[in-house]
Amino acid sequence: MSAYIALVRFTEKGISRIKESPRRLDEARELLSDMGGRFLHFYMTMGDYDLVVVYEAPDDACAARFTLALGAAGNIRTTTMKAFPENAYREIIASLP
């Protein structure tokens, strides 16, 4: 499975309904699980982003579907990055010409 890091900001709609956020988190976790992925870490953060989520998905297409489904609800906007674990990092660097 591939790893992804999502930097999340609440929209005006999302922050106005903030008390529903834990339920929405549970729904997002279930949606990702149904797609074959899983949450690895979840953090509420202070600064430019409101939340940081580290998750695994079977492939990039699944991660894209998950991100689009979350965004379509209108409560959050995300910036998602594909993450490479240390062993992949080492393999990539070792394969450089």
PDB file of N, CA and C in Angstrom:
ATOM      1  N   MET A   1       0.845  -1.188   0.000  1.00  0.00           N
ATOM      2  CA  MET A   1       0.000   0.000   0.000  1.00  0.00           C
ATOM      3  C   MET A   1       0.880   1.237   0.000  1.00  0.00           C
ATOM      4  N   SER A   2       0.368   2.282  -0.584  1.00  0.00           N
ATOM      5  CA  SER A   2       1.067   3.561  -0.617  1.00  0.00           C
ATOM      6  C   SER A   2       0.609   4.433   0.549  1.00  0.00           C
ATOM      7  N   ALA A   3       1.498   5.303   1.004  1.00  0.00           N
ATOM      8  CA  ALA A   3       1.190   6.217   2.106  1.00  0.00           C
ATOM      9  C   ALA A   3       0.957   7.623   1.563  1.00  0.00           C
ATOM     10  N   TYR A   4       0.084   8.349   2.240  1.00  0.00           N
ATOM     11  CA  TYR A   4      -0.269   9.708   1.848  1.00  0.00           C
ATOM     12  C   TYR A   4      -0.370  10.568   3.094  1.00  0.00           C
ATOM     13  N   ILE A   5      -0.032  11.835   2.933  1.00  0.00           N
ATOM     14  CA  ILE A   5      -0.179  12.818   4.009  1.00  0.00           C
ATOM     15  C   ILE A   5      -1.141  13.878   3.500  1.00  0.00           C
ATOM     16  N   ALA A   6      -2.221  14.086   4.241  1.00  0.00           N
ATOM     17  CA  ALA A   6      -3.213  15.093   3.859  1.00  0.00           C
ATOM     18  C   ALA A   6      -3.164  16.245   4.853  1.00  0.00           C
ATOM     19  N   LEU A   7      -2.954  17.442   4.332  1.00  0.00           N
ATOM     20  CA  LEU A   7      -3.015  18.665   5.122  1.00  0.00           C
ATOM     21  C   LEU A   7      -4.405  19.238   4.904  1.00  0.00           C
ATOM     22  N   VAL A   8      -5.137  19.456   5.987  1.00  0.00           N
ATOM     23  CA  VAL A   8      -6.567  19.744   5.895  1.00  0.00           C
ATOM     24  C   VAL A   8      -6.892  21.105   6.506  1.00  0.00           C
ATOM     25  N   ARG A   9      -7.748  21.834   5.797  1.00  0.00           N
ATOM     26  CA  ARG A   9      -8.296  23.098   6.307  1.00  0.00           C
ATOM     27  C   ARG A   9      -9.813  22.996   6.310  1.00  0.00           C
ATOM     28  N   PHE A  10     -10.432  23.486   7.384  1.00  0.00           N
ATOM     29  CA  PHE A  10     -11.892  23.558   7.415  1.00  0.00           C
ATOM     30  C   PHE A  10     -12.354  24.671   6.486  1.00  0.00           C
ATOM     31  N   THR A  11     -13.447  24.434   5.785  1.00  0.00           N
ATOM     32  CA  THR A  11     -14.107  25.485   5.024  1.00  0.00           C
ATOM     33  C   THR A  11     -15.008  26.252   5.984  1.00  0.00           C
ATOM     34  N   GLU A  12     -15.606  27.317   5.511  1.00  0.00           N
ATOM     35  CA  GLU A  12     -16.573  28.052   6.338  1.00  0.00           C
ATOM     36  C   GLU A  12     -17.710  27.128   6.770  1.00  0.00           C
ATOM     37  N   LYS A  13     -18.167  26.307   5.839  1.00  0.00           N
ATOM     38  CA  LYS A  13     -19.233  25.343   6.163  1.00  0.00           C
ATOM     39  C   LYS A  13     -18.769  24.380   7.250  1.00  0.00           C
ATOM     40  N   GLY A  14     -17.558  23.863   7.109  1.00  0.00           N
ATOM     41  CA  GLY A  14     -17.038  22.898   8.063  1.00  0.00           C
ATOM     42  C   GLY A  14     -16.849  23.479   9.450  1.00  0.00           C
ATOM     43  N   ILE A  15     -16.327  24.701   9.526  1.00  0.00           N
ATOM     44  CA  ILE A  15     -16.081  25.308  10.838  1.00  0.00           C
ATOM     45  C   ILE A  15     -17.390  25.727  11.494  1.00  0.00           C
ATOM     46  N   SER A  16     -18.388  26.101  10.685  1.00  0.00           N
ATOM     47  CA  SER A  16     -19.676  26.493  11.273  1.00  0.00           C
ATOM     48  C   SER A  16     -20.406  25.293  11.870  1.00  0.00           C
ATOM     49  N   ARG A  17     -20.009  24.091  11.450  1.00  0.00           N
ATOM     50  CA  ARG A  17     -20.604  22.862  11.966  1.00  0.00           C
ATOM     51  C   ARG A  17     -19.527  22.017  12.643  1.00  0.00           C
ATOM     52  N   ILE A  18     -18.626  22.667  13.361  1.00  0.00           N
ATOM     53  CA  ILE A  18     -17.454  22.001  13.922  1.00  0.00           C
ATOM     54  C   ILE A  18     -17.809  20.874  14.887  1.00  0.00           C
ATOM     55  N   LYS A  19     -18.912  21.013  15.604  1.00  0.00           N
ATOM     56  CA  LYS A  19     -19.277  19.963  16.563  1.00  0.00           C
ATOM     57  C   LYS A  19     -19.620  18.639  15.877  1.00  0.00           C
ATOM     58  N   GLU A  20     -19.893  18.681  14.566  1.00  0.00           N
ATOM     59  CA  GLU A  20     -20.149  17.469  13.797  1.00  0.00           C
ATOM     60  C   GLU A  20     -18.852  16.834  13.284  1.00  0.00           C
ATOM     61  N   SER A  21     -17.744  17.509  13.481  1.00  0.00           N
ATOM     62  CA  SER A  21     -16.475  17.060  12.921  1.00  0.00           C
ATOM     63  C   SER A  21     -16.064  15.658  13.386  1.00  0.00           C
ATOM     64  N   PRO A  22     -16.203  15.306  14.679  1.00  0.00           N
ATOM     65  CA  PRO A  22     -15.829  13.933  15.062  1.00  0.00           C
ATOM     66  C   PRO A  22     -16.638  12.861  14.321  1.00  0.00           C
ATOM     67  N   ARG A  23     -17.916  13.112  14.093  1.00  0.00           N
ATOM     68  CA  ARG A  23     -18.737  12.160  13.344  1.00  0.00           C
ATOM     69  C   ARG A  23     -18.244  12.075  11.897  1.00  0.00           C
ATOM     70  N   ARG A  24     -17.915  13.222  11.319  1.00  0.00           N
ATOM     71  CA  ARG A  24     -17.412  13.222   9.941  1.00  0.00           C
ATOM     72  C   ARG A  24     -16.075  12.488   9.842  1.00  0.00           C
ATOM     73  N   LEU A  25     -15.246  12.612  10.864  1.00  0.00           N
ATOM     74  CA  LEU A  25     -13.978  11.879  10.897  1.00  0.00           C
ATOM     75  C   LEU A  25     -14.245  10.380  10.895  1.00  0.00           C
ATOM     76  N   ASP A  26     -15.174   9.934  11.733  1.00  0.00           N
ATOM     77  CA  ASP A  26     -15.512   8.508  11.766  1.00  0.00           C
ATOM     78  C   ASP A  26     -16.019   8.032  10.407  1.00  0.00           C
ATOM     79  N   GLU A  27     -16.827   8.853   9.747  1.00  0.00           N
ATOM     80  CA  GLU A  27     -17.339   8.503   8.422  1.00  0.00           C
ATOM     81  C   GLU A  27     -16.210   8.436   7.397  1.00  0.00           C
ATOM     82  N   ALA A  28     -15.263   9.362   7.477  1.00  0.00           N
ATOM     83  CA  ALA A  28     -14.124   9.350   6.558  1.00  0.00           C
ATOM     84  C   ALA A  28     -13.272   8.103   6.776  1.00  0.00           C
ATOM     85  N   ARG A  29     -13.056   7.749   8.021  1.00  0.00           N
ATOM     86  CA  ARG A  29     -12.271   6.556   8.341  1.00  0.00           C
ATOM     87  C   ARG A  29     -12.962   5.306   7.769  1.00  0.00           C
ATOM     88  N   GLU A  30     -14.281   5.237   7.908  1.00  0.00           N
ATOM     89  CA  GLU A  30     -15.045   4.100   7.383  1.00  0.00           C
ATOM     90  C   GLU A  30     -15.004   4.071   5.852  1.00  0.00           C
ATOM     91  N   LEU A  31     -15.147   5.229   5.223  1.00  0.00           N
ATOM     92  CA  LEU A  31     -15.077   5.308   3.763  1.00  0.00           C
ATOM     93  C   LEU A  31     -13.736   4.795   3.257  1.00  0.00           C
ATOM     94  N   LEU A  32     -12.649   5.255   3.868  1.00  0.00           N
ATOM     95  CA  LEU A  32     -11.327   4.808   3.443  1.00  0.00           C
ATOM     96  C   LEU A  32     -11.170   3.308   3.667  1.00  0.00           C
ATOM     97  N   SER A  33     -11.664   2.809   4.761  1.00  0.00           N
ATOM     98  CA  SER A  33     -11.595   1.371   5.035  1.00  0.00           C
ATOM     99  C   SER A  33     -12.356   0.583   3.970  1.00  0.00           C
ATOM    100  N   ASP A  34     -13.539   1.073   3.599  1.00  0.00           N
ATOM    101  CA  ASP A  34     -14.323   0.413   2.553  1.00  0.00           C
ATOM    102  C   ASP A  34     -13.586   0.409   1.216  1.00  0.00           C
ATOM    103  N   MET A  35     -12.695   1.391   1.010  1.00  0.00           N
ATOM    104  CA  MET A  35     -11.914   1.479  -0.228  1.00  0.00           C
ATOM    105  C   MET A  35     -10.632   0.645  -0.151  1.00  0.00           C
ATOM    106  N   GLY A  36     -10.400   0.006   0.999  1.00  0.00           N
ATOM    107  CA  GLY A  36      -9.216  -0.827   1.156  1.00  0.00           C
ATOM    108  C   GLY A  36      -8.043  -0.136   1.811  1.00  0.00           C
ATOM    109  N   GLY A  37      -8.252   1.081   2.328  1.00  0.00           N
ATOM    110  CA  GLY A  37      -7.178   1.822   2.986  1.00  0.00           C
ATOM    111  C   GLY A  37      -7.379   1.894   4.491  1.00  0.00           C
ATOM    112  N   ARG A  38      -6.516   2.677   5.127  1.00  0.00           N
ATOM    113  CA  ARG A  38      -6.654   2.851   6.572  1.00  0.00           C
ATOM    114  C   ARG A  38      -5.913   4.101   7.033  1.00  0.00           C
ATOM    115  N   PHE A  39      -6.445   4.705   8.090  1.00  0.00           N
ATOM    116  CA  PHE A  39      -5.768   5.832   8.725  1.00  0.00           C
ATOM    117  C   PHE A  39      -4.601   5.294   9.541  1.00  0.00           C
ATOM    118  N   LEU A  40      -3.461   5.934   9.445  1.00  0.00           N
ATOM    119  CA  LEU A  40      -2.311   5.592  10.287  1.00  0.00           C
ATOM    120  C   LEU A  40      -2.190   6.569  11.452  1.00  0.00           C
ATOM    121  N   HIS A  41      -2.382   7.862  11.166  1.00  0.00           N
ATOM    122  CA  HIS A  41      -2.283   8.896  12.195  1.00  0.00           C
ATOM    123  C   HIS A  41      -3.263  10.014  11.878  1.00  0.00           C
ATOM    124  N   PHE A  42      -3.781  10.627  12.920  1.00  0.00           N
ATOM    125  CA  PHE A  42      -4.664  11.781  12.793  1.00  0.00           C
ATOM    126  C   PHE A  42      -4.269  12.793  13.851  1.00  0.00           C
ATOM    127  N   TYR A  43      -4.094  14.045  13.442  1.00  0.00           N
ATOM    128  CA  TYR A  43      -3.722  15.110  14.372  1.00  0.00           C
ATOM    129  C   TYR A  43      -4.547  16.358  14.108  1.00  0.00           C
ATOM    130  N   MET A  44      -5.027  16.996  15.158  1.00  0.00           N
ATOM    131  CA  MET A  44      -5.528  18.357  15.055  1.00  0.00           C
ATOM    132  C   MET A  44      -4.306  19.234  15.245  1.00  0.00           C
ATOM    133  N   THR A  45      -4.146  20.249  14.399  1.00  0.00           N
ATOM    134  CA  THR A  45      -2.937  21.059  14.440  1.00  0.00           C
ATOM    135  C   THR A  45      -3.274  22.540  14.556  1.00  0.00           C
ATOM    136  N   MET A  46      -2.272  23.296  14.935  1.00  0.00           N
ATOM    137  CA  MET A  46      -2.394  24.750  15.027  1.00  0.00           C
ATOM    138  C   MET A  46      -1.452  25.345  13.986  1.00  0.00           C
ATOM    139  N   GLY A  47      -1.894  26.372  13.299  1.00  0.00           N
ATOM    140  CA  GLY A  47      -1.062  26.987  12.271  1.00  0.00           C
ATOM    141  C   GLY A  47      -1.822  27.083  10.972  1.00  0.00           C
ATOM    142  N   ASP A  48      -1.138  26.871   9.860  1.00  0.00           N
ATOM    143  CA  ASP A  48      -1.751  27.017   8.548  1.00  0.00           C
ATOM    144  C   ASP A  48      -2.803  25.951   8.253  1.00  0.00           C
ATOM    145  N   TYR A  49      -2.697  24.803   8.885  1.00  0.00           N
ATOM    146  CA  TYR A  49      -3.638  23.709   8.644  1.00  0.00           C
ATOM    147  C   TYR A  49      -4.332  23.341   9.950  1.00  0.00           C
ATOM    148  N   ASP A  50      -5.565  22.854   9.823  1.00  0.00           N
ATOM    149  CA  ASP A  50      -6.360  22.489  10.996  1.00  0.00           C
ATOM    150  C   ASP A  50      -6.161  21.038  11.410  1.00  0.00           C
ATOM    151  N   LEU A  51      -5.893  20.181  10.432  1.00  0.00           N
ATOM    152  CA  LEU A  51      -5.726  18.750  10.680  1.00  0.00           C
ATOM    153  C   LEU A  51      -4.616  18.213   9.788  1.00  0.00           C
ATOM    154  N   VAL A  52      -3.973  17.143  10.245  1.00  0.00           N
ATOM    155  CA  VAL A  52      -3.026  16.391   9.425  1.00  0.00           C
ATOM    156  C   VAL A  52      -3.407  14.923   9.545  1.00  0.00           C
ATOM    157  N   VAL A  53      -3.550  14.271   8.402  1.00  0.00           N
ATOM    158  CA  VAL A  53      -3.915  12.854   8.381  1.00  0.00           C
ATOM    159  C   VAL A  53      -2.860  12.101   7.585  1.00  0.00           C
ATOM    160  N   VAL A  54      -2.365  11.023   8.159  1.00  0.00           N
ATOM    161  CA  VAL A  54      -1.460  10.121   7.454  1.00  0.00           C
ATOM    162  C   VAL A  54      -2.253   8.837   7.233  1.00  0.00           C
ATOM    163  N   TYR A  55      -2.341   8.425   5.967  1.00  0.00           N
ATOM    164  CA  TYR A  55      -3.135   7.236   5.688  1.00  0.00           C
ATOM    165  C   TYR A  55      -2.501   6.397   4.586  1.00  0.00           C
ATOM    166  N   GLU A  56      -2.972   5.172   4.478  1.00  0.00           N
ATOM    167  CA  GLU A  56      -2.558   4.270   3.415  1.00  0.00           C
ATOM    168  C   GLU A  56      -3.747   3.995   2.513  1.00  0.00           C
ATOM    169  N   ALA A  57      -3.470   3.859   1.232  1.00  0.00           N
ATOM    170  CA  ALA A  57      -4.475   3.488   0.242  1.00  0.00           C
ATOM    171  C   ALA A  57      -3.837   2.505  -0.726  1.00  0.00           C
ATOM    172  N   PRO A  58      -4.657   1.658  -1.348  1.00  0.00           N
ATOM    173  CA  PRO A  58      -4.093   0.657  -2.262  1.00  0.00           C
ATOM    174  C   PRO A  58      -3.320   1.248  -3.441  1.00  0.00           C
ATOM    175  N   ASP A  59      -3.735   2.439  -3.911  1.00  0.00           N
ATOM    176  CA  ASP A  59      -3.051   3.048  -5.050  1.00  0.00           C
ATOM    177  C   ASP A  59      -3.442   4.519  -5.146  1.00  0.00           C
ATOM    178  N   ASP A  60      -2.820   5.218  -6.089  1.00  0.00           N
ATOM    179  CA  ASP A  60      -3.082   6.652  -6.255  1.00  0.00           C
ATOM    180  C   ASP A  60      -4.528   6.939  -6.646  1.00  0.00           C
ATOM    181  N   ALA A  61      -5.126   6.083  -7.461  1.00  0.00           N
ATOM    182  CA  ALA A  61      -6.515   6.299  -7.872  1.00  0.00           C
ATOM    183  C   ALA A  61      -7.451   6.226  -6.670  1.00  0.00           C
ATOM    184  N   CYS A  62      -7.212   5.294  -5.782  1.00  0.00           N
ATOM    185  CA  CYS A  62      -8.028   5.179  -4.570  1.00  0.00           C
ATOM    186  C   CYS A  62      -7.848   6.422  -3.700  1.00  0.00           C
ATOM    187  N   ALA A  63      -6.620   6.873  -3.543  1.00  0.00           N
ATOM    188  CA  ALA A  63      -6.358   8.082  -2.748  1.00  0.00           C
ATOM    189  C   ALA A  63      -7.058   9.289  -3.371  1.00  0.00           C
ATOM    190  N   ALA A  64      -7.064   9.369  -4.689  1.00  0.00           N
ATOM    191  CA  ALA A  64      -7.742  10.474  -5.368  1.00  0.00           C
ATOM    192  C   ALA A  64      -9.253  10.406  -5.143  1.00  0.00           C
ATOM    193  N   ARG A  65      -9.837   9.217  -5.262  1.00  0.00           N
ATOM    194  CA  ARG A  65     -11.278   9.063  -5.014  1.00  0.00           C
ATOM    195  C   ARG A  65     -11.624   9.455  -3.585  1.00  0.00           C
ATOM    196  N   PHE A  66     -10.803   9.050  -2.638  1.00  0.00           N
ATOM    197  CA  PHE A  66     -11.029   9.377  -1.233  1.00  0.00           C
ATOM    198  C   PHE A  66     -10.978  10.895  -1.027  1.00  0.00           C
ATOM    199  N   THR A  67      -9.952  11.532  -1.556  1.00  0.00           N
ATOM    200  CA  THR A  67      -9.805  12.980  -1.417  1.00  0.00           C
ATOM    201  C   THR A  67     -10.965  13.730  -2.073  1.00  0.00           C
ATOM    202  N   LEU A  68     -11.359  13.307  -3.252  1.00  0.00           N
ATOM    203  CA  LEU A  68     -12.469  13.950  -3.944  1.00  0.00           C
ATOM    204  C   LEU A  68     -13.790  13.771  -3.196  1.00  0.00           C
ATOM    205  N   ALA A  69     -14.002  12.589  -2.639  1.00  0.00           N
ATOM    206  CA  ALA A  69     -15.227  12.344  -1.872  1.00  0.00           C
ATOM    207  C   ALA A  69     -15.277  13.241  -0.640  1.00  0.00           C
ATOM    208  N   LEU A  70     -14.162  13.409   0.033  1.00  0.00           N
ATOM    209  CA  LEU A  70     -14.128  14.295   1.204  1.00  0.00           C
ATOM    210  C   LEU A  70     -14.397  15.734   0.792  1.00  0.00           C
ATOM    211  N   GLY A  71     -13.742  16.184  -0.266  1.00  0.00           N
ATOM    212  CA  GLY A  71     -13.923  17.560  -0.719  1.00  0.00           C
ATOM    213  C   GLY A  71     -15.336  17.846  -1.192  1.00  0.00           C
ATOM    214  N   ALA A  72     -15.982  16.859  -1.789  1.00  0.00           N
ATOM    215  CA  ALA A  72     -17.321  17.049  -2.317  1.00  0.00           C
ATOM    216  C   ALA A  72     -18.343  17.363  -1.226  1.00  0.00           C
ATOM    217  N   ALA A  73     -18.077  16.939  -0.017  1.00  0.00           N
ATOM    218  CA  ALA A  73     -18.996  17.219   1.097  1.00  0.00           C
ATOM    219  C   ALA A  73     -18.963  18.698   1.492  1.00  0.00           C
ATOM    220  N   GLY A  74     -17.862  19.381   1.140  1.00  0.00           N
ATOM    221  CA  GLY A  74     -17.787  20.819   1.351  1.00  0.00           C
ATOM    222  C   GLY A  74     -17.331  21.288   2.715  1.00  0.00           C
ATOM    223  N   ASN A  75     -16.919  20.372   3.582  1.00  0.00           N
ATOM    224  CA  ASN A  75     -16.507  20.752   4.934  1.00  0.00           C
ATOM    225  C   ASN A  75     -15.017  21.017   5.077  1.00  0.00           C
ATOM    226  N   ILE A  76     -14.229  20.461   4.165  1.00  0.00           N
ATOM    227  CA  ILE A  76     -12.772  20.614   4.228  1.00  0.00           C
ATOM    228  C   ILE A  76     -12.203  20.792   2.837  1.00  0.00           C
ATOM    229  N   ARG A  77     -10.987  21.313   2.793  1.00  0.00           N
ATOM    230  CA  ARG A  77     -10.156  21.348   1.593  1.00  0.00           C
ATOM    231  C   ARG A  77      -8.829  20.707   1.985  1.00  0.00           C
ATOM    232  N   THR A  78      -8.271  19.938   1.074  1.00  0.00           N
ATOM    233  CA  THR A  78      -7.059  19.200   1.406  1.00  0.00           C
ATOM    234  C   THR A  78      -5.927  19.497   0.433  1.00  0.00           C
ATOM    235  N   THR A  79      -4.728  19.343   0.922  1.00  0.00           N
ATOM    236  CA  THR A  79      -3.527  19.264   0.115  1.00  0.00           C
ATOM    237  C   THR A  79      -2.927  17.908   0.449  1.00  0.00           C
ATOM    238  N   THR A  80      -2.851  17.035  -0.541  1.00  0.00           N
ATOM    239  CA  THR A  80      -2.410  15.663  -0.281  1.00  0.00           C
ATOM    240  C   THR A  80      -1.088  15.396  -0.976  1.00  0.00           C
ATOM    241  N   MET A  81      -0.201  14.734  -0.249  1.00  0.00           N
ATOM    242  CA  MET A  81       1.119  14.387  -0.773  1.00  0.00           C
ATOM    243  C   MET A  81       1.315  12.881  -0.682  1.00  0.00           C
ATOM    244  N   LYS A  82       1.877  12.292  -1.715  1.00  0.00           N
ATOM    245  CA  LYS A  82       2.266  10.894  -1.633  1.00  0.00           C
ATOM    246  C   LYS A  82       3.551  10.840  -0.812  1.00  0.00           C
ATOM    247  N   ALA A  83       3.619   9.881   0.091  1.00  0.00           N
ATOM    248  CA  ALA A  83       4.782   9.769   0.977  1.00  0.00           C
ATOM    249  C   ALA A  83       5.527   8.466   0.709  1.00  0.00           C
ATOM    250  N   PHE A  84       6.837   8.549   0.686  1.00  0.00           N
ATOM    251  CA  PHE A  84       7.680   7.387   0.461  1.00  0.00           C
ATOM    252  C   PHE A  84       8.377   7.025   1.772  1.00  0.00           C
ATOM    253  N   PRO A  85       8.240   5.791   2.240  1.00  0.00           N
ATOM    254  CA  PRO A  85       8.922   5.393   3.472  1.00  0.00           C
ATOM    255  C   PRO A  85      10.441   5.348   3.267  1.00  0.00           C
ATOM    256  N   GLU A  86      11.154   5.242   4.359  1.00  0.00           N
ATOM    257  CA  GLU A  86      12.614   5.314   4.303  1.00  0.00           C
ATOM    258  C   GLU A  86      13.214   4.285   3.353  1.00  0.00           C
ATOM    259  N   ASN A  87      12.720   3.058   3.368  1.00  0.00           N
ATOM    260  CA  ASN A  87      13.323   2.042   2.486  1.00  0.00           C
ATOM    261  C   ASN A  87      13.132   2.417   1.006  1.00  0.00           C
ATOM    262  N   ALA A  88      11.978   2.969   0.648  1.00  0.00           N
ATOM    263  CA  ALA A  88      11.769   3.409  -0.734  1.00  0.00           C
ATOM    264  C   ALA A  88      12.671   4.598  -1.059  1.00  0.00           C
ATOM    265  N   TYR A  89      12.808   5.508  -0.122  1.00  0.00           N
ATOM    266  CA  TYR A  89      13.707   6.651  -0.292  1.00  0.00           C
ATOM    267  C   TYR A  89      15.121   6.164  -0.605  1.00  0.00           C
ATOM    268  N   ARG A  90      15.594   5.216   0.175  1.00  0.00           N
ATOM    269  CA  ARG A  90      16.956   4.692  -0.024  1.00  0.00           C
ATOM    270  C   ARG A  90      17.097   4.014  -1.390  1.00  0.00           C
ATOM    271  N   GLU A  91      16.070   3.243  -1.802  1.00  0.00           N
ATOM    272  CA  GLU A  91      16.102   2.598  -3.108  1.00  0.00           C
ATOM    273  C   GLU A  91      16.128   3.614  -4.244  1.00  0.00           C
ATOM    274  N   ILE A  92      15.330   4.655  -4.109  1.00  0.00           N
ATOM    275  CA  ILE A  92      15.275   5.698  -5.141  1.00  0.00           C
ATOM    276  C   ILE A  92      16.619   6.406  -5.252  1.00  0.00           C
ATOM    277  N   ILE A  93      17.190   6.768  -4.130  1.00  0.00           N
ATOM    278  CA  ILE A  93      18.492   7.456  -4.145  1.00  0.00           C
ATOM    279  C   ILE A  93      19.580   6.536  -4.704  1.00  0.00           C
ATOM    280  N   ALA A  94      19.554   5.255  -4.300  1.00  0.00           N
ATOM    281  CA  ALA A  94      20.563   4.309  -4.777  1.00  0.00           C
ATOM    282  C   ALA A  94      20.465   4.078  -6.290  1.00  0.00           C
ATOM    283  N   SER A  95      19.276   4.271  -6.858  1.00  0.00           N
ATOM    284  CA  SER A  95      19.098   4.005  -8.286  1.00  0.00           C
ATOM    285  C   SER A  95      19.473   5.199  -9.168  1.00  0.00           C
ATOM    286  N   LEU A  96      19.845   6.314  -8.565  1.00  0.00           N
ATOM    287  CA  LEU A  96      20.244   7.492  -9.355  1.00  0.00           C
ATOM    288  C   LEU A  96      21.512   7.183 -10.145  1.00  0.00           C
ATOM    289  N   PRO A  97      21.596   7.705 -11.355  1.00  0.00           N
ATOM    290  CA  PRO A  97      22.810   7.472 -12.184  1.00  0.00           C
ATOM    291  C   PRO A  97      24.022   8.168 -11.591  1.00  0.00           C
TER     292      PRO A  97
END
